[in-house]
Amino acid sequence: MDLKQKLASRVSRQGPLAIDGIGSSLARASHRLSIMLALKQMSLSLGGQTMEYHAHCHCKRVRFSFRSPEITTGKRCNCSLCVRRGAVLSPAYIPDADFTLHADERDLAVYLWNDKVVRHYFCKTCGIYTYGAVAGEDGKDRYRVNLGCVEELDALALDITIVDGKALPLADAP
């Protein structure tokens, strides 16, 4: 029995709130509304739309997982770094709460380029670019992952959008 079925079963056994007097129909309507909202929330997060993905570099020293809506598209950037790297990236940034590194951070190297805001991580052993991280407005990291590292996902079979990174201004040299 999945979580939605368990909640629905519990609600049907307990019934609406038992409140005597004039406000009982309002209480029942409010209770039904709260249950409907809870079920809608669960269907959005558990109803097949959000998936758990597992990924690793070529030598498997760097492993990570993330939760994301089902990946059906990817992005490539045409800036001088990305065009040389050739990676297909996740279509959206992944929030910090949905990203988990399952490896020793000492196995990762980081490359900072241009404005040094985006941290480009790669495996020190095999050299594969695994993901990039940037601090969001809330101060927490957001990630774009190399979809070529994701298990059971054919990154080259996705519809790919080109991001015009070449048109972005370069930071001034120090």
C-alpha atoms as a PDB file:
ATOM      1  CA  MET A   1       0.000   0.000   0.000  1.00  0.00           C
ATOM      2  CA  ASP A   2       1.514   3.332  -1.037  1.00  0.00           C
ATOM      3  CA  LEU A   3       1.469   6.494   1.078  1.00  0.00           C
ATOM      4  CA  LYS A   4      -1.600   7.960  -0.676  1.00  0.00           C
ATOM      5  CA  GLN A   5      -3.594   4.764  -0.049  1.00  0.00           C
ATOM      6  CA  LYS A   6      -2.532   4.666   3.618  1.00  0.00           C
ATOM      7  CA  LEU A   7      -3.634   8.266   4.167  1.00  0.00           C
ATOM      8  CA  ALA A   8      -6.933   7.718   2.361  1.00  0.00           C
ATOM      9  CA  SER A   9      -7.555   4.553   4.424  1.00  0.00           C
ATOM     10  CA  ARG A  10      -6.822   6.394   7.674  1.00  0.00           C
ATOM     11  CA  VAL A  11      -9.162   9.240   6.723  1.00  0.00           C
ATOM     12  CA  SER A  12     -12.011   6.863   5.813  1.00  0.00           C
ATOM     13  CA  ARG A  13     -11.637   5.018   9.153  1.00  0.00           C
ATOM     14  CA  GLN A  14     -11.503   8.196  11.268  1.00  0.00           C
ATOM     15  CA  GLY A  15     -14.117  10.152   9.336  1.00  0.00           C
ATOM     16  CA  PRO A  16     -14.620  13.907   9.512  1.00  0.00           C
ATOM     17  CA  LEU A  17     -13.826  15.857  12.628  1.00  0.00           C
ATOM     18  CA  ALA A  18     -16.415  15.279  15.326  1.00  0.00           C
ATOM     19  CA  ILE A  19     -17.503  18.758  16.352  1.00  0.00           C
ATOM     20  CA  ASP A  20     -20.991  19.336  17.723  1.00  0.00           C
ATOM     21  CA  GLY A  21     -23.057  22.398  16.976  1.00  0.00           C
ATOM     22  CA  ILE A  22     -23.294  24.917  14.183  1.00  0.00           C
ATOM     23  CA  GLY A  23     -19.680  24.712  13.040  1.00  0.00           C
ATOM     24  CA  SER A  24     -19.682  20.945  12.347  1.00  0.00           C
ATOM     25  CA  SER A  25     -20.411  21.216   8.602  1.00  0.00           C
ATOM     26  CA  LEU A  26     -17.722  23.883   8.267  1.00  0.00           C
ATOM     27  CA  ALA A  27     -15.294  21.660  10.165  1.00  0.00           C
ATOM     28  CA  ARG A  28     -16.101  18.715   7.874  1.00  0.00           C
ATOM     29  CA  ALA A  29     -15.596  20.855   4.761  1.00  0.00           C
ATOM     30  CA  SER A  30     -12.324  22.204   6.123  1.00  0.00           C
ATOM     31  CA  HIS A  31     -11.171  18.679   6.989  1.00  0.00           C
ATOM     32  CA  ARG A  32     -12.035  17.406   3.483  1.00  0.00           C
ATOM     33  CA  LEU A  33     -10.184  20.328   1.928  1.00  0.00           C
ATOM     34  CA  SER A  34      -7.072  19.658   4.021  1.00  0.00           C
ATOM     35  CA  ILE A  35      -7.136  15.966   3.020  1.00  0.00           C
ATOM     36  CA  MET A  36      -7.575  16.838  -0.667  1.00  0.00           C
ATOM     37  CA  LEU A  37      -4.644  19.253  -0.478  1.00  0.00           C
ATOM     38  CA  ALA A  38      -2.484  16.629   1.265  1.00  0.00           C
ATOM     39  CA  LEU A  39      -3.321  14.041  -1.407  1.00  0.00           C
ATOM     40  CA  LYS A  40      -2.578  16.536  -4.186  1.00  0.00           C
ATOM     41  CA  GLN A  41       0.766  17.398  -2.563  1.00  0.00           C
ATOM     42  CA  MET A  42       1.677  13.696  -2.348  1.00  0.00           C
ATOM     43  CA  SER A  43       0.693  13.049  -5.934  1.00  0.00           C
ATOM     44  CA  LEU A  44       2.981  15.853  -7.033  1.00  0.00           C
ATOM     45  CA  SER A  45       5.949  14.532  -5.069  1.00  0.00           C
ATOM     46  CA  LEU A  46       5.296  10.791  -5.134  1.00  0.00           C
ATOM     47  CA  GLY A  47       3.061  10.267  -8.128  1.00  0.00           C
ATOM     48  CA  GLY A  48       5.755   9.308 -10.587  1.00  0.00           C
ATOM     49  CA  GLN A  49       6.667  12.888 -11.436  1.00  0.00           C
ATOM     50  CA  THR A  50       9.646  13.108  -9.069  1.00  0.00           C
ATOM     51  CA  MET A  51      12.263  10.419  -9.583  1.00  0.00           C
ATOM     52  CA  GLU A  52      15.423   9.347  -7.790  1.00  0.00           C
ATOM     53  CA  TYR A  53      18.448   9.221 -10.085  1.00  0.00           C
ATOM     54  CA  HIS A  54      21.848   7.627  -9.378  1.00  0.00           C
ATOM     55  CA  ALA A  55      25.003   8.719 -11.148  1.00  0.00           C
ATOM     56  CA  HIS A  56      28.762   8.163 -11.175  1.00  0.00           C
ATOM     57  CA  CYS A  57      31.917   9.045 -13.033  1.00  0.00           C
ATOM     58  CA  HIS A  58      33.648   6.534 -15.331  1.00  0.00           C
ATOM     59  CA  CYS A  59      35.755   4.874 -12.611  1.00  0.00           C
ATOM     60  CA  LYS A  60      32.871   5.073 -10.084  1.00  0.00           C
ATOM     61  CA  ARG A  61      34.937   6.790  -7.390  1.00  0.00           C
ATOM     62  CA  VAL A  62      32.577   9.780  -7.555  1.00  0.00           C
ATOM     63  CA  ARG A  63      28.964   8.760  -6.979  1.00  0.00           C
ATOM     64  CA  PHE A  64      25.933  10.931  -6.348  1.00  0.00           C
ATOM     65  CA  SER A  65      22.163  10.804  -6.445  1.00  0.00           C
ATOM     66  CA  PHE A  66      19.449  13.394  -6.884  1.00  0.00           C
ATOM     67  CA  ARG A  67      15.697  13.798  -7.009  1.00  0.00           C
ATOM     68  CA  SER A  68      14.219  15.540 -10.007  1.00  0.00           C
ATOM     69  CA  PRO A  69      11.164  15.541 -12.203  1.00  0.00           C
ATOM     70  CA  GLU A  70      11.555  12.879 -14.876  1.00  0.00           C
ATOM     71  CA  ILE A  71      14.362  13.921 -17.190  1.00  0.00           C
ATOM     72  CA  THR A  72      13.200  14.080 -20.794  1.00  0.00           C
ATOM     73  CA  THR A  73      15.386  16.949 -22.037  1.00  0.00           C
ATOM     74  CA  GLY A  74      18.920  18.191 -21.592  1.00  0.00           C
ATOM     75  CA  LYS A  75      20.943  21.346 -22.078  1.00  0.00           C
ATOM     76  CA  ARG A  76      24.279  22.047 -23.690  1.00  0.00           C
ATOM     77  CA  CYS A  77      26.161  25.297 -23.436  1.00  0.00           C
ATOM     78  CA  ASN A  78      28.263  26.828 -26.196  1.00  0.00           C
ATOM     79  CA  CYS A  79      30.695  28.770 -23.952  1.00  0.00           C
ATOM     80  CA  SER A  80      34.388  28.037 -24.449  1.00  0.00           C
ATOM     81  CA  LEU A  81      34.512  25.685 -21.445  1.00  0.00           C
ATOM     82  CA  CYS A  82      31.334  23.691 -22.094  1.00  0.00           C
ATOM     83  CA  VAL A  83      31.870  23.277 -25.832  1.00  0.00           C
ATOM     84  CA  ARG A  84      35.220  21.592 -25.063  1.00  0.00           C
ATOM     85  CA  ARG A  85      33.710  19.490 -22.284  1.00  0.00           C
ATOM     86  CA  GLY A  86      30.770  18.361 -24.451  1.00  0.00           C
ATOM     87  CA  ALA A  87      28.504  17.382 -21.560  1.00  0.00           C
ATOM     88  CA  VAL A  88      24.718  17.223 -21.727  1.00  0.00           C
ATOM     89  CA  LEU A  89      23.483  18.920 -18.562  1.00  0.00           C
ATOM     90  CA  SER A  90      20.340  18.565 -16.495  1.00  0.00           C
ATOM     91  CA  PRO A  91      17.583  20.816 -17.833  1.00  0.00           C
ATOM     92  CA  ALA A  92      17.178  22.636 -14.499  1.00  0.00           C
ATOM     93  CA  TYR A  93      19.175  23.298 -11.388  1.00  0.00           C
ATOM     94  CA  ILE A  94      18.708  20.697  -8.653  1.00  0.00           C
ATOM     95  CA  PRO A  95      18.189  22.152  -5.167  1.00  0.00           C
ATOM     96  CA  ASP A  96      20.708  21.312  -2.445  1.00  0.00           C
ATOM     97  CA  ALA A  97      18.083  19.312  -0.509  1.00  0.00           C
ATOM     98  CA  ASP A  98      17.609  17.002  -3.524  1.00  0.00           C
ATOM     99  CA  PHE A  99      21.312  16.307  -4.199  1.00  0.00           C
ATOM    100  CA  THR A 100      23.479  13.797  -2.290  1.00  0.00           C
ATOM    101  CA  LEU A 101      27.174  13.098  -2.800  1.00  0.00           C
ATOM    102  CA  HIS A 102      28.014   9.454  -1.985  1.00  0.00           C
ATOM    103  CA  ALA A 103      31.766   9.731  -2.341  1.00  0.00           C
ATOM    104  CA  ASP A 104      34.771  11.111  -0.559  1.00  0.00           C
ATOM    105  CA  GLU A 105      35.069  14.799  -1.455  1.00  0.00           C
ATOM    106  CA  ARG A 106      38.833  14.290  -1.733  1.00  0.00           C
ATOM    107  CA  ASP A 107      38.179  12.320  -4.952  1.00  0.00           C
ATOM    108  CA  LEU A 108      36.818  15.486  -6.555  1.00  0.00           C
ATOM    109  CA  ALA A 109      38.695  18.381  -8.081  1.00  0.00           C
ATOM    110  CA  VAL A 110      37.076  21.713  -8.827  1.00  0.00           C
ATOM    111  CA  TYR A 111      37.675  24.135 -11.664  1.00  0.00           C
ATOM    112  CA  LEU A 112      36.711  27.785 -11.280  1.00  0.00           C
ATOM    113  CA  TRP A 113      36.529  29.819 -14.458  1.00  0.00           C
ATOM    114  CA  ASN A 114      35.564  33.319 -15.569  1.00  0.00           C
ATOM    115  CA  ASP A 115      33.623  34.925 -12.697  1.00  0.00           C
ATOM    116  CA  LYS A 116      34.447  31.969 -10.409  1.00  0.00           C
ATOM    117  CA  VAL A 117      30.818  31.630  -9.324  1.00  0.00           C
ATOM    118  CA  VAL A 118      30.108  28.175 -10.776  1.00  0.00           C
ATOM    119  CA  ARG A 119      32.209  25.357  -9.329  1.00  0.00           C
ATOM    120  CA  HIS A 120      32.839  22.675 -11.975  1.00  0.00           C
ATOM    121  CA  TYR A 121      33.547  19.317 -10.267  1.00  0.00           C
ATOM    122  CA  PHE A 122      35.347  16.403 -11.875  1.00  0.00           C
ATOM    123  CA  CYS A 123      36.848  13.103 -10.734  1.00  0.00           C
ATOM    124  CA  LYS A 124      40.567  13.301  -9.886  1.00  0.00           C
ATOM    125  CA  THR A 125      41.065   9.708 -11.073  1.00  0.00           C
ATOM    126  CA  CYS A 126      39.271   9.440 -14.429  1.00  0.00           C
ATOM    127  CA  GLY A 127      38.791  13.149 -15.203  1.00  0.00           C
ATOM    128  CA  ILE A 128      35.065  12.990 -15.915  1.00  0.00           C
ATOM    129  CA  TYR A 129      33.101  16.181 -15.305  1.00  0.00           C
ATOM    130  CA  THR A 130      30.298  15.118 -12.925  1.00  0.00           C
ATOM    131  CA  TYR A 131      28.390  18.253 -11.928  1.00  0.00           C
ATOM    132  CA  GLY A 132      28.530  21.979 -11.377  1.00  0.00           C
ATOM    133  CA  ALA A 133      27.401  23.881  -8.301  1.00  0.00           C
ATOM    134  CA  VAL A 134      26.433  27.491  -7.741  1.00  0.00           C
ATOM    135  CA  ALA A 135      25.097  29.220  -4.639  1.00  0.00           C
ATOM    136  CA  GLY A 136      21.470  30.250  -4.958  1.00  0.00           C
ATOM    137  CA  GLU A 137      19.942  33.452  -3.635  1.00  0.00           C
ATOM    138  CA  ASP A 138      19.251  31.643  -0.339  1.00  0.00           C
ATOM    139  CA  GLY A 139      22.956  30.783   0.015  1.00  0.00           C
ATOM    140  CA  LYS A 140      22.361  27.055  -0.594  1.00  0.00           C
ATOM    141  CA  ASP A 141      23.950  25.277  -3.517  1.00  0.00           C
ATOM    142  CA  ARG A 142      22.093  24.358  -6.692  1.00  0.00           C
ATOM    143  CA  TYR A 143      23.475  21.722  -9.061  1.00  0.00           C
ATOM    144  CA  ARG A 144      23.510  20.957 -12.778  1.00  0.00           C
ATOM    145  CA  VAL A 145      24.588  17.392 -13.389  1.00  0.00           C
ATOM    146  CA  ASN A 146      26.317  15.778 -16.341  1.00  0.00           C
ATOM    147  CA  LEU A 147      23.506  13.549 -17.649  1.00  0.00           C
ATOM    148  CA  GLY A 148      26.125  11.250 -19.207  1.00  0.00           C
ATOM    149  CA  CYS A 149      26.909  10.122 -15.635  1.00  0.00           C
ATOM    150  CA  VAL A 150      23.295   9.160 -14.830  1.00  0.00           C
ATOM    151  CA  GLU A 151      22.603   5.424 -14.733  1.00  0.00           C
ATOM    152  CA  GLU A 152      20.019   4.121 -17.211  1.00  0.00           C
ATOM    153  CA  LEU A 153      19.658   7.466 -18.985  1.00  0.00           C
ATOM    154  CA  ASP A 154      20.779   7.951 -22.583  1.00  0.00           C
ATOM    155  CA  ALA A 155      21.799  11.608 -22.543  1.00  0.00           C
ATOM    156  CA  LEU A 156      22.328  11.716 -26.304  1.00  0.00           C
ATOM    157  CA  ALA A 157      18.777  10.476 -26.991  1.00  0.00           C
ATOM    158  CA  LEU A 158      17.215  13.473 -25.182  1.00  0.00           C
ATOM    159  CA  ASP A 159      15.895  16.604 -26.829  1.00  0.00           C
ATOM    160  CA  ILE A 160      18.747  19.039 -26.238  1.00  0.00           C
ATOM    161  CA  THR A 161      18.493  22.823 -25.978  1.00  0.00           C
ATOM    162  CA  ILE A 162      21.554  24.987 -26.548  1.00  0.00           C
ATOM    163  CA  VAL A 163      22.262  27.682 -23.957  1.00  0.00           C
ATOM    164  CA  ASP A 164      24.053  30.669 -25.486  1.00  0.00           C
ATOM    165  CA  GLY A 165      26.852  30.897 -22.915  1.00  0.00           C
ATOM    166  CA  LYS A 166      29.143  32.325 -25.581  1.00  0.00           C
ATOM    167  CA  ALA A 167      27.077  35.527 -25.504  1.00  0.00           C
ATOM    168  CA  LEU A 168      27.565  36.024 -21.759  1.00  0.00           C
ATOM    169  CA  PRO A 169      30.136  38.653 -20.828  1.00  0.00           C
ATOM    170  CA  LEU A 170      33.490  37.525 -19.478  1.00  0.00           C
ATOM    171  CA  ALA A 171      34.609  38.799 -16.102  1.00  0.00           C
ATOM    172  CA  ASP A 172      37.428  41.288 -16.138  1.00  0.00           C
ATOM    173  CA  ALA A 173      40.880  39.766 -15.767  1.00  0.00           C
ATOM    174  CA  PRO A 174      42.546  40.517 -12.395  1.00  0.00           C
END
